[in-house]
């Protein structure tokens, strides 16, 4: 068996150690030694972008914020949906992750950072969207295992009521918030609904039609007079073995 080799290490602002490893053609990101994201399970990362951006295929000058770069799969899928005059801003907390995507990881998703539509902003996604004054037609969040778990300090604020209020303000009319999660989360769905979002839960597979079931929350700000939205059914607690992860 081919052994794993360490290609690089980095530290998040809260002290979490991020490690990049390779075995043959397979790559793996770890957080404090635990699996964060493998390069072989990408179906739900692609679904996050295609479902979160599908309303923008013919929108002039669409603007998209992606929280979490990961190995670039979500960025690539968004680019494949968006028109040529779109802008994609990627908020990435760890500078080394961008360096790895510029280099050794770039080929995995077809070098999405080379696309002129992409701009990477090093920093917390919440800070990036609060600092932006132009607004976004879609905000795609792919950090940790979803709203219930936080691998880096600050992600809890992103999914809090204050963070979601900032997201709502940053969305342009007709804009969509898409959130990746490793499991169904009843409390998060209720929080979204209470913040004035119409919520839909979509179940996706980690690898094509196979692999672990992951989840994408699609949330659209309700207009005045809109009816109440019930949270998705069959919410489940987080399984102990669920992998922690960074962005797509």
C-alpha atoms as a PDB file:
ATOM      1  CA  UNK A   1       0.000   0.000   0.000  1.00  0.00           C
ATOM      2  CA  UNK A   2       1.240   3.469  -0.883  1.00  0.00           C
ATOM      3  CA  UNK A   3       1.965   5.442   2.316  1.00  0.00           C
ATOM      4  CA  UNK A   4       0.570   8.907   2.971  1.00  0.00           C
ATOM      5  CA  UNK A   5       3.029  11.783   2.593  1.00  0.00           C
ATOM      6  CA  UNK A   6       2.636  15.193   4.204  1.00  0.00           C
ATOM      7  CA  UNK A   7       2.737  18.035   1.670  1.00  0.00           C
ATOM      8  CA  UNK A   8       2.100  20.977   3.956  1.00  0.00           C
ATOM      9  CA  UNK A   9       0.835  22.238   7.293  1.00  0.00           C
ATOM     10  CA  UNK A  10      -0.895  25.407   8.443  1.00  0.00           C
ATOM     11  CA  UNK A  11      -2.537  26.807  11.559  1.00  0.00           C
ATOM     12  CA  UNK A  12      -5.907  28.538  11.747  1.00  0.00           C
ATOM     13  CA  UNK A  13      -6.286  31.734  13.822  1.00  0.00           C
ATOM     14  CA  UNK A  14      -7.696  29.686  16.715  1.00  0.00           C
ATOM     15  CA  UNK A  15      -4.735  27.266  16.693  1.00  0.00           C
ATOM     16  CA  UNK A  16      -6.220  24.323  14.767  1.00  0.00           C
ATOM     17  CA  UNK A  17      -3.496  22.506  12.799  1.00  0.00           C
ATOM     18  CA  UNK A  18      -4.412  21.911   9.151  1.00  0.00           C
ATOM     19  CA  UNK A  19      -2.433  19.221   7.314  1.00  0.00           C
ATOM     20  CA  UNK A  20      -2.394  18.379   3.616  1.00  0.00           C
ATOM     21  CA  UNK A  21      -1.469  14.798   2.721  1.00  0.00           C
ATOM     22  CA  UNK A  22      -1.218  12.784  -0.491  1.00  0.00           C
ATOM     23  CA  UNK A  23      -1.299   9.072  -1.286  1.00  0.00           C
ATOM     24  CA  UNK A  24      -0.913   8.334  -4.961  1.00  0.00           C
ATOM     25  CA  UNK A  25      -3.627  10.366  -6.715  1.00  0.00           C
ATOM     26  CA  UNK A  26      -5.615  10.902  -3.508  1.00  0.00           C
ATOM     27  CA  UNK A  27      -5.388  14.021  -1.332  1.00  0.00           C
ATOM     28  CA  UNK A  28      -6.625  14.592   2.201  1.00  0.00           C
ATOM     29  CA  UNK A  29      -7.037  17.647   4.437  1.00  0.00           C
ATOM     30  CA  UNK A  30      -6.942  17.043   8.194  1.00  0.00           C
ATOM     31  CA  UNK A  31      -7.724  19.252  11.193  1.00  0.00           C
ATOM     32  CA  UNK A  32      -5.723  18.332  14.295  1.00  0.00           C
ATOM     33  CA  UNK A  33      -5.218  14.872  12.809  1.00  0.00           C
ATOM     34  CA  UNK A  34      -8.876  14.248  11.966  1.00  0.00           C
ATOM     35  CA  UNK A  35     -10.190  13.902   8.421  1.00  0.00           C
ATOM     36  CA  UNK A  36     -11.461  17.235   7.177  1.00  0.00           C
ATOM     37  CA  UNK A  37     -11.923  16.648   3.445  1.00  0.00           C
ATOM     38  CA  UNK A  38     -10.827  13.890   1.047  1.00  0.00           C
ATOM     39  CA  UNK A  39     -10.443  14.505  -2.671  1.00  0.00           C
ATOM     40  CA  UNK A  40     -12.436  11.369  -3.499  1.00  0.00           C
ATOM     41  CA  UNK A  41     -15.801  12.410  -1.978  1.00  0.00           C
ATOM     42  CA  UNK A  42     -16.972  15.536  -3.776  1.00  0.00           C
ATOM     43  CA  UNK A  43     -20.567  14.997  -4.914  1.00  0.00           C
ATOM     44  CA  UNK A  44     -22.173  17.154  -2.248  1.00  0.00           C
ATOM     45  CA  UNK A  45     -19.663  19.976  -2.746  1.00  0.00           C
ATOM     46  CA  UNK A  46     -20.672  20.082  -6.405  1.00  0.00           C
ATOM     47  CA  UNK A  47     -24.363  19.966  -5.461  1.00  0.00           C
ATOM     48  CA  UNK A  48     -23.937  22.916  -3.100  1.00  0.00           C
ATOM     49  CA  UNK A  49     -22.873  25.123  -5.999  1.00  0.00           C
ATOM     50  CA  UNK A  50     -25.141  23.785  -8.727  1.00  0.00           C
ATOM     51  CA  UNK A  51     -28.256  24.060  -6.536  1.00  0.00           C
ATOM     52  CA  UNK A  52     -27.243  27.301  -4.915  1.00  0.00           C
ATOM     53  CA  UNK A  53     -26.425  28.995  -8.236  1.00  0.00           C
ATOM     54  CA  UNK A  54     -28.861  27.425 -10.680  1.00  0.00           C
ATOM     55  CA  UNK A  55     -31.098  30.536 -10.624  1.00  0.00           C
ATOM     56  CA  UNK A  56     -28.161  32.620 -11.896  1.00  0.00           C
ATOM     57  CA  UNK A  57     -27.392  30.915 -15.202  1.00  0.00           C
ATOM     58  CA  UNK A  58     -28.774  33.895 -17.137  1.00  0.00           C
ATOM     59  CA  UNK A  59     -28.339  36.676 -14.571  1.00  0.00           C
ATOM     60  CA  UNK A  60     -26.122  39.526 -15.812  1.00  0.00           C
ATOM     61  CA  UNK A  61     -23.153  40.371 -13.575  1.00  0.00           C
ATOM     62  CA  UNK A  62     -24.156  37.864 -10.894  1.00  0.00           C
ATOM     63  CA  UNK A  63     -22.130  37.966  -7.671  1.00  0.00           C
ATOM     64  CA  UNK A  64     -21.517  34.867  -5.540  1.00  0.00           C
ATOM     65  CA  UNK A  65     -19.782  34.492  -2.185  1.00  0.00           C
ATOM     66  CA  UNK A  66     -18.335  31.075  -1.304  1.00  0.00           C
ATOM     67  CA  UNK A  67     -17.348  30.530   2.311  1.00  0.00           C
ATOM     68  CA  UNK A  68     -14.508  27.991   2.334  1.00  0.00           C
ATOM     69  CA  UNK A  69     -12.150  27.108  -0.530  1.00  0.00           C
ATOM     70  CA  UNK A  70     -11.321  23.522   0.403  1.00  0.00           C
ATOM     71  CA  UNK A  71      -9.966  21.765  -2.691  1.00  0.00           C
ATOM     72  CA  UNK A  72     -11.795  24.020  -5.131  1.00  0.00           C
ATOM     73  CA  UNK A  73     -14.657  21.713  -6.139  1.00  0.00           C
ATOM     74  CA  UNK A  74     -17.453  24.085  -5.076  1.00  0.00           C
ATOM     75  CA  UNK A  75     -15.759  26.984  -6.858  1.00  0.00           C
ATOM     76  CA  UNK A  76     -15.421  24.927 -10.034  1.00  0.00           C
ATOM     77  CA  UNK A  77     -19.069  23.847  -9.960  1.00  0.00           C
ATOM     78  CA  UNK A  78     -20.213  27.443  -9.457  1.00  0.00           C
ATOM     79  CA  UNK A  79     -18.112  28.640 -12.391  1.00  0.00           C
ATOM     80  CA  UNK A  80     -19.621  25.956 -14.602  1.00  0.00           C
ATOM     81  CA  UNK A  81     -23.137  27.278 -13.851  1.00  0.00           C
ATOM     82  CA  UNK A  82     -22.490  31.032 -13.874  1.00  0.00           C
ATOM     83  CA  UNK A  83     -22.348  33.299 -16.930  1.00  0.00           C
ATOM     84  CA  UNK A  84     -19.076  34.752 -18.204  1.00  0.00           C
ATOM     85  CA  UNK A  85     -19.598  38.155 -16.563  1.00  0.00           C
ATOM     86  CA  UNK A  86     -20.207  36.758 -13.076  1.00  0.00           C
ATOM     87  CA  UNK A  87     -17.970  37.388 -10.044  1.00  0.00           C
ATOM     88  CA  UNK A  88     -17.089  34.753  -7.450  1.00  0.00           C
ATOM     89  CA  UNK A  89     -15.579  35.890  -4.158  1.00  0.00           C
ATOM     90  CA  UNK A  90     -14.102  33.074  -2.081  1.00  0.00           C
ATOM     91  CA  UNK A  91     -13.582  33.705   1.636  1.00  0.00           C
ATOM     92  CA  UNK A  92     -10.813  31.433   2.933  1.00  0.00           C
ATOM     93  CA  UNK A  93      -9.564  31.625   6.488  1.00  0.00           C
ATOM     94  CA  UNK A  94      -6.162  29.940   5.939  1.00  0.00           C
ATOM     95  CA  UNK A  95      -3.711  31.498   3.431  1.00  0.00           C
ATOM     96  CA  UNK A  96      -1.914  28.194   2.896  1.00  0.00           C
ATOM     97  CA  UNK A  97      -5.116  26.617   1.581  1.00  0.00           C
ATOM     98  CA  UNK A  98      -5.108  29.133  -1.252  1.00  0.00           C
ATOM     99  CA  UNK A  99      -1.412  28.427  -1.885  1.00  0.00           C
ATOM    100  CA  UNK A 100      -2.143  24.693  -2.112  1.00  0.00           C
ATOM    101  CA  UNK A 101      -5.007  25.345  -4.539  1.00  0.00           C
ATOM    102  CA  UNK A 102      -2.747  27.524  -6.658  1.00  0.00           C
ATOM    103  CA  UNK A 103      -0.285  24.644  -6.760  1.00  0.00           C
ATOM    104  CA  UNK A 104      -0.526  20.968  -5.910  1.00  0.00           C
ATOM    105  CA  UNK A 105      -4.333  20.816  -5.525  1.00  0.00           C
ATOM    106  CA  UNK A 106      -5.206  22.957  -8.525  1.00  0.00           C
ATOM    107  CA  UNK A 107      -5.601  20.152 -11.064  1.00  0.00           C
ATOM    108  CA  UNK A 108      -8.249  18.353  -8.987  1.00  0.00           C
ATOM    109  CA  UNK A 109     -10.978  20.824  -9.961  1.00  0.00           C
ATOM    110  CA  UNK A 110      -9.469  22.108 -13.174  1.00  0.00           C
ATOM    111  CA  UNK A 111      -7.587  25.072 -11.652  1.00  0.00           C
ATOM    112  CA  UNK A 112     -10.639  27.207 -10.795  1.00  0.00           C
ATOM    113  CA  UNK A 113      -8.536  29.982  -9.250  1.00  0.00           C
ATOM    114  CA  UNK A 114      -7.080  30.724 -12.669  1.00  0.00           C
ATOM    115  CA  UNK A 115     -10.529  31.833 -13.852  1.00  0.00           C
ATOM    116  CA  UNK A 116     -10.707  35.630 -14.146  1.00  0.00           C
ATOM    117  CA  UNK A 117     -14.120  35.618 -12.447  1.00  0.00           C
ATOM    118  CA  UNK A 118     -12.623  34.398  -9.146  1.00  0.00           C
ATOM    119  CA  UNK A 119     -11.208  36.498  -6.333  1.00  0.00           C
ATOM    120  CA  UNK A 120      -9.967  34.946  -3.078  1.00  0.00           C
ATOM    121  CA  UNK A 121     -10.262  37.008   0.087  1.00  0.00           C
ATOM    122  CA  UNK A 122      -8.236  35.716   3.022  1.00  0.00           C
ATOM    123  CA  UNK A 123     -10.379  36.005   6.119  1.00  0.00           C
ATOM    124  CA  UNK A 124     -13.550  34.955   7.853  1.00  0.00           C
ATOM    125  CA  UNK A 125     -16.610  34.629   5.586  1.00  0.00           C
ATOM    126  CA  UNK A 126     -18.761  36.680   7.949  1.00  0.00           C
ATOM    127  CA  UNK A 127     -16.253  39.530   7.913  1.00  0.00           C
ATOM    128  CA  UNK A 128     -16.051  39.414   4.111  1.00  0.00           C
ATOM    129  CA  UNK A 129     -19.810  39.619   3.570  1.00  0.00           C
ATOM    130  CA  UNK A 130     -20.227  42.367   6.180  1.00  0.00           C
ATOM    131  CA  UNK A 131     -17.505  44.445   4.517  1.00  0.00           C
ATOM    132  CA  UNK A 132     -19.049  44.088   1.060  1.00  0.00           C
ATOM    133  CA  UNK A 133     -21.444  46.839  -0.037  1.00  0.00           C
ATOM    134  CA  UNK A 134     -22.561  45.463  -3.406  1.00  0.00           C
ATOM    135  CA  UNK A 135     -24.466  42.412  -2.199  1.00  0.00           C
ATOM    136  CA  UNK A 136     -24.595  38.842  -3.483  1.00  0.00           C
ATOM    137  CA  UNK A 137     -27.012  36.847  -5.617  1.00  0.00           C
ATOM    138  CA  UNK A 138     -25.933  33.632  -3.860  1.00  0.00           C
ATOM    139  CA  UNK A 139     -24.011  32.862  -0.689  1.00  0.00           C
ATOM    140  CA  UNK A 140     -22.639  29.316  -0.433  1.00  0.00           C
ATOM    141  CA  UNK A 141     -21.354  28.232   2.971  1.00  0.00           C
ATOM    142  CA  UNK A 142     -19.248  25.089   3.228  1.00  0.00           C
ATOM    143  CA  UNK A 143     -17.350  25.207   6.512  1.00  0.00           C
ATOM    144  CA  UNK A 144     -16.903  22.402   9.057  1.00  0.00           C
ATOM    145  CA  UNK A 145     -19.571  19.702   9.163  1.00  0.00           C
ATOM    146  CA  UNK A 146     -22.300  22.291   8.915  1.00  0.00           C
ATOM    147  CA  UNK A 147     -24.097  24.618  11.344  1.00  0.00           C
ATOM    148  CA  UNK A 148     -23.810  22.292  14.360  1.00  0.00           C
ATOM    149  CA  UNK A 149     -20.021  21.913  14.445  1.00  0.00           C
ATOM    150  CA  UNK A 150     -17.193  24.382  14.271  1.00  0.00           C
ATOM    151  CA  UNK A 151     -13.571  23.514  13.393  1.00  0.00           C
ATOM    152  CA  UNK A 152     -12.462  27.123  13.540  1.00  0.00           C
ATOM    153  CA  UNK A 153     -13.299  29.964  15.880  1.00  0.00           C
ATOM    154  CA  UNK A 154     -15.799  32.325  14.267  1.00  0.00           C
ATOM    155  CA  UNK A 155     -17.850  29.766  12.355  1.00  0.00           C
ATOM    156  CA  UNK A 156     -20.324  29.623  15.238  1.00  0.00           C
ATOM    157  CA  UNK A 157     -20.914  33.363  14.754  1.00  0.00           C
ATOM    158  CA  UNK A 158     -21.500  32.764  11.048  1.00  0.00           C
ATOM    159  CA  UNK A 159     -24.459  30.464  11.765  1.00  0.00           C
ATOM    160  CA  UNK A 160     -25.776  32.457  14.729  1.00  0.00           C
ATOM    161  CA  UNK A 161     -28.784  34.766  14.530  1.00  0.00           C
ATOM    162  CA  UNK A 162     -26.448  37.728  14.145  1.00  0.00           C
ATOM    163  CA  UNK A 163     -24.531  36.012  11.371  1.00  0.00           C
ATOM    164  CA  UNK A 164     -27.689  34.989   9.532  1.00  0.00           C
ATOM    165  CA  UNK A 165     -29.035  38.525   9.830  1.00  0.00           C
ATOM    166  CA  UNK A 166     -25.856  39.753   8.139  1.00  0.00           C
ATOM    167  CA  UNK A 167     -26.298  37.107   5.423  1.00  0.00           C
ATOM    168  CA  UNK A 168     -29.889  38.225   4.847  1.00  0.00           C
ATOM    169  CA  UNK A 169     -28.820  41.852   4.478  1.00  0.00           C
ATOM    170  CA  UNK A 170     -26.060  40.869   2.049  1.00  0.00           C
ATOM    171  CA  UNK A 171     -28.402  38.962  -0.263  1.00  0.00           C
ATOM    172  CA  UNK A 172     -29.745  40.827  -3.254  1.00  0.00           C
ATOM    173  CA  UNK A 173     -33.468  40.478  -4.131  1.00  0.00           C
ATOM    174  CA  UNK A 174     -34.055  36.893  -5.238  1.00  0.00           C
ATOM    175  CA  UNK A 175     -30.762  35.811  -3.684  1.00  0.00           C
ATOM    176  CA  UNK A 176     -30.203  32.340  -2.236  1.00  0.00           C
ATOM    177  CA  UNK A 177     -28.289  31.130   0.814  1.00  0.00           C
ATOM    178  CA  UNK A 178     -27.004  27.539   0.440  1.00  0.00           C
ATOM    179  CA  UNK A 179     -25.476  25.747   3.424  1.00  0.00           C
ATOM    180  CA  UNK A 180     -23.691  22.371   3.344  1.00  0.00           C
ATOM    181  CA  UNK A 181     -24.269  20.065   6.302  1.00  0.00           C
ATOM    182  CA  UNK A 182     -23.266  16.531   7.219  1.00  0.00           C
ATOM    183  CA  UNK A 183     -26.672  15.928   8.801  1.00  0.00           C
ATOM    184  CA  UNK A 184     -30.141  17.359   9.224  1.00  0.00           C
ATOM    185  CA  UNK A 185     -30.306  20.004  11.928  1.00  0.00           C
ATOM    186  CA  UNK A 186     -33.786  20.906  13.206  1.00  0.00           C
ATOM    187  CA  UNK A 187     -32.574  23.833  15.301  1.00  0.00           C
ATOM    188  CA  UNK A 188     -30.757  25.433  12.387  1.00  0.00           C
ATOM    189  CA  UNK A 189     -33.803  25.039  10.131  1.00  0.00           C
ATOM    190  CA  UNK A 190     -36.000  26.697  12.756  1.00  0.00           C
ATOM    191  CA  UNK A 191     -33.454  29.473  13.183  1.00  0.00           C
ATOM    192  CA  UNK A 192     -33.453  30.168   9.447  1.00  0.00           C
ATOM    193  CA  UNK A 193     -37.255  30.226   9.348  1.00  0.00           C
ATOM    194  CA  UNK A 194     -37.431  32.560  12.357  1.00  0.00           C
ATOM    195  CA  UNK A 195     -35.002  34.919  10.609  1.00  0.00           C
ATOM    196  CA  UNK A 196     -37.389  35.307   7.689  1.00  0.00           C
ATOM    197  CA  UNK A 197     -36.071  32.655   5.301  1.00  0.00           C
ATOM    198  CA  UNK A 198     -38.119  30.173   3.309  1.00  0.00           C
ATOM    199  CA  UNK A 199     -36.212  26.912   3.830  1.00  0.00           C
ATOM    200  CA  UNK A 200     -35.788  23.840   1.637  1.00  0.00           C
ATOM    201  CA  UNK A 201     -33.654  20.822   2.507  1.00  0.00           C
ATOM    202  CA  UNK A 202     -32.081  18.805  -0.320  1.00  0.00           C
ATOM    203  CA  UNK A 203     -30.461  15.423   0.265  1.00  0.00           C
ATOM    204  CA  UNK A 204     -27.359  14.706  -1.798  1.00  0.00           C
ATOM    205  CA  UNK A 205     -24.808  11.898  -2.034  1.00  0.00           C
ATOM    206  CA  UNK A 206     -21.126  12.196  -1.301  1.00  0.00           C
ATOM    207  CA  UNK A 207     -20.161  10.348  -4.483  1.00  0.00           C
ATOM    208  CA  UNK A 208     -22.562  10.340  -7.412  1.00  0.00           C
ATOM    209  CA  UNK A 209     -25.558   8.189  -6.499  1.00  0.00           C
ATOM    210  CA  UNK A 210     -23.587   6.396  -3.790  1.00  0.00           C
ATOM    211  CA  UNK A 211     -21.739   7.294  -0.639  1.00  0.00           C
ATOM    212  CA  UNK A 212     -22.816   9.046   2.524  1.00  0.00           C
ATOM    213  CA  UNK A 213     -25.917  11.206   2.519  1.00  0.00           C
ATOM    214  CA  UNK A 214     -25.160  14.883   2.983  1.00  0.00           C
ATOM    215  CA  UNK A 215     -27.526  17.832   3.055  1.00  0.00           C
ATOM    216  CA  UNK A 216     -27.855  21.243   1.448  1.00  0.00           C
ATOM    217  CA  UNK A 217     -30.080  23.879   3.020  1.00  0.00           C
ATOM    218  CA  UNK A 218     -31.472  26.364   0.497  1.00  0.00           C
ATOM    219  CA  UNK A 219     -32.845  29.506   2.133  1.00  0.00           C
ATOM    220  CA  UNK A 220     -34.504  32.445   0.394  1.00  0.00           C
ATOM    221  CA  UNK A 221     -35.581  35.612   2.246  1.00  0.00           C
ATOM    222  CA  UNK A 222     -39.369  35.761   2.423  1.00  0.00           C
ATOM    223  CA  UNK A 223     -41.118  38.851   1.161  1.00  0.00           C
ATOM    224  CA  UNK A 224     -43.796  40.640   3.144  1.00  0.00           C
ATOM    225  CA  UNK A 225     -46.937  38.550   3.304  1.00  0.00           C
ATOM    226  CA  UNK A 226     -45.055  35.300   2.720  1.00  0.00           C
ATOM    227  CA  UNK A 227     -46.350  32.262   4.592  1.00  0.00           C
ATOM    228  CA  UNK A 228     -44.533  30.528   7.413  1.00  0.00           C
ATOM    229  CA  UNK A 229     -42.088  27.792   6.443  1.00  0.00           C
ATOM    230  CA  UNK A 230     -41.898  24.588   8.432  1.00  0.00           C
ATOM    231  CA  UNK A 231     -38.449  23.084   9.074  1.00  0.00           C
ATOM    232  CA  UNK A 232     -37.558  19.897   7.194  1.00  0.00           C
ATOM    233  CA  UNK A 233     -38.765  16.617   8.619  1.00  0.00           C
ATOM    234  CA  UNK A 234     -36.856  13.681  10.067  1.00  0.00           C
ATOM    235  CA  UNK A 235     -34.103  15.740  11.648  1.00  0.00           C
ATOM    236  CA  UNK A 236     -31.343  13.580  13.071  1.00  0.00           C
ATOM    237  CA  UNK A 237     -28.605  14.125  15.598  1.00  0.00           C
ATOM    238  CA  UNK A 238     -25.028  14.323  14.404  1.00  0.00           C
ATOM    239  CA  UNK A 239     -23.446  10.853  14.215  1.00  0.00           C
ATOM    240  CA  UNK A 240     -20.265  10.493  16.264  1.00  0.00           C
ATOM    241  CA  UNK A 241     -18.321   9.317  13.226  1.00  0.00           C
ATOM    242  CA  UNK A 242     -19.246  12.229  10.953  1.00  0.00           C
ATOM    243  CA  UNK A 243     -16.135  13.662   9.339  1.00  0.00           C
ATOM    244  CA  UNK A 244     -15.143  17.231  10.025  1.00  0.00           C
ATOM    245  CA  UNK A 245     -14.438  19.256   6.947  1.00  0.00           C
ATOM    246  CA  UNK A 246     -13.404  22.530   5.418  1.00  0.00           C
ATOM    247  CA  UNK A 247     -14.866  24.131   2.316  1.00  0.00           C
ATOM    248  CA  UNK A 248     -15.445  22.447  -1.031  1.00  0.00           C
END
